[in-house]
């Protein structure tokens, strides 16, 4: 096998599309989880900390 084929194998178009979809979905879930933690879980656990989280 040639050296160029060894490096091109993992960078196939299917892998690149799958990775791009994973980054987009991960970014969406990050916003959802951050919102839930800041709005639902933190106020009962630390009532004085909520004003600091809003900054």
C-alpha atoms as a PDB file:
ATOM      1  CA  UNK A   1       0.000   0.000   0.000  1.00  0.00           C
ATOM      2  CA  UNK A   2       1.300   3.441  -0.885  1.00  0.00           C
ATOM      3  CA  UNK A   3       1.902   6.045   1.809  1.00  0.00           C
ATOM      4  CA  UNK A   4      -0.656   8.438   0.330  1.00  0.00           C
ATOM      5  CA  UNK A   5      -3.397   5.788   0.608  1.00  0.00           C
ATOM      6  CA  UNK A   6      -2.627   5.251   4.305  1.00  0.00           C
ATOM      7  CA  UNK A   7      -3.397   8.882   5.088  1.00  0.00           C
ATOM      8  CA  UNK A   8      -6.418   9.214   2.816  1.00  0.00           C
ATOM      9  CA  UNK A   9      -8.206   6.206   4.288  1.00  0.00           C
ATOM     10  CA  UNK A  10      -9.394   7.799   7.554  1.00  0.00           C
ATOM     11  CA  UNK A  11     -10.260  11.048   5.756  1.00  0.00           C
ATOM     12  CA  UNK A  12     -12.963   9.653   3.514  1.00  0.00           C
ATOM     13  CA  UNK A  13     -16.007  11.807   2.649  1.00  0.00           C
ATOM     14  CA  UNK A  14     -18.321   9.677   4.793  1.00  0.00           C
ATOM     15  CA  UNK A  15     -16.182  10.206   7.882  1.00  0.00           C
ATOM     16  CA  UNK A  16     -15.988  13.965   7.309  1.00  0.00           C
ATOM     17  CA  UNK A  17     -19.776  14.262   6.986  1.00  0.00           C
ATOM     18  CA  UNK A  18     -20.301  12.174  10.113  1.00  0.00           C
ATOM     19  CA  UNK A  19     -17.863  14.287  12.081  1.00  0.00           C
ATOM     20  CA  UNK A  20     -19.516  17.516  10.902  1.00  0.00           C
ATOM     21  CA  UNK A  21     -22.923  16.205  11.959  1.00  0.00           C
ATOM     22  CA  UNK A  22     -21.514  15.232  15.350  1.00  0.00           C
ATOM     23  CA  UNK A  23     -20.082  18.705  15.903  1.00  0.00           C
ATOM     24  CA  UNK A  24     -23.402  20.363  14.999  1.00  0.00           C
ATOM     25  CA  UNK A  25     -25.452  18.049  17.222  1.00  0.00           C
ATOM     26  CA  UNK A  26     -22.938  18.412  20.054  1.00  0.00           C
ATOM     27  CA  UNK A  27     -23.161  22.184  19.830  1.00  0.00           C
ATOM     28  CA  UNK A  28     -26.946  22.061  20.023  1.00  0.00           C
ATOM     29  CA  UNK A  29     -26.900  19.781  23.059  1.00  0.00           C
ATOM     30  CA  UNK A  30     -24.361  21.996  24.794  1.00  0.00           C
ATOM     31  CA  UNK A  31     -26.796  24.910  24.755  1.00  0.00           C
ATOM     32  CA  UNK A  32     -29.684  22.767  25.974  1.00  0.00           C
ATOM     33  CA  UNK A  33     -27.710  21.227  28.836  1.00  0.00           C
ATOM     34  CA  UNK A  34     -26.233  24.582  29.913  1.00  0.00           C
ATOM     35  CA  UNK A  35     -29.692  26.111  30.009  1.00  0.00           C
ATOM     36  CA  UNK A  36     -31.141  23.253  32.062  1.00  0.00           C
ATOM     37  CA  UNK A  37     -28.302  23.294  34.562  1.00  0.00           C
ATOM     38  CA  UNK A  38     -28.391  27.069  35.022  1.00  0.00           C
ATOM     39  CA  UNK A  39     -32.202  27.361  35.201  1.00  0.00           C
ATOM     40  CA  UNK A  40     -33.304  24.147  36.916  1.00  0.00           C
ATOM     41  CA  UNK A  41     -30.498  22.636  38.956  1.00  0.00           C
ATOM     42  CA  UNK A  42     -28.418  25.562  40.178  1.00  0.00           C
ATOM     43  CA  UNK A  43     -31.145  27.681  41.891  1.00  0.00           C
ATOM     44  CA  UNK A  44     -32.076  25.010  44.477  1.00  0.00           C
ATOM     45  CA  UNK A  45     -28.456  23.977  45.015  1.00  0.00           C
ATOM     46  CA  UNK A  46     -26.952  27.434  45.302  1.00  0.00           C
ATOM     47  CA  UNK A  47     -29.531  30.256  45.608  1.00  0.00           C
ATOM     48  CA  UNK A  48     -26.855  32.948  45.949  1.00  0.00           C
ATOM     49  CA  UNK A  49     -24.925  31.793  42.889  1.00  0.00           C
ATOM     50  CA  UNK A  50     -27.630  32.425  40.269  1.00  0.00           C
ATOM     51  CA  UNK A  51     -26.839  36.137  39.952  1.00  0.00           C
ATOM     52  CA  UNK A  52     -23.191  35.279  39.261  1.00  0.00           C
ATOM     53  CA  UNK A  53     -24.170  32.810  36.532  1.00  0.00           C
ATOM     54  CA  UNK A  54     -26.209  35.436  34.663  1.00  0.00           C
ATOM     55  CA  UNK A  55     -23.092  37.531  33.893  1.00  0.00           C
END
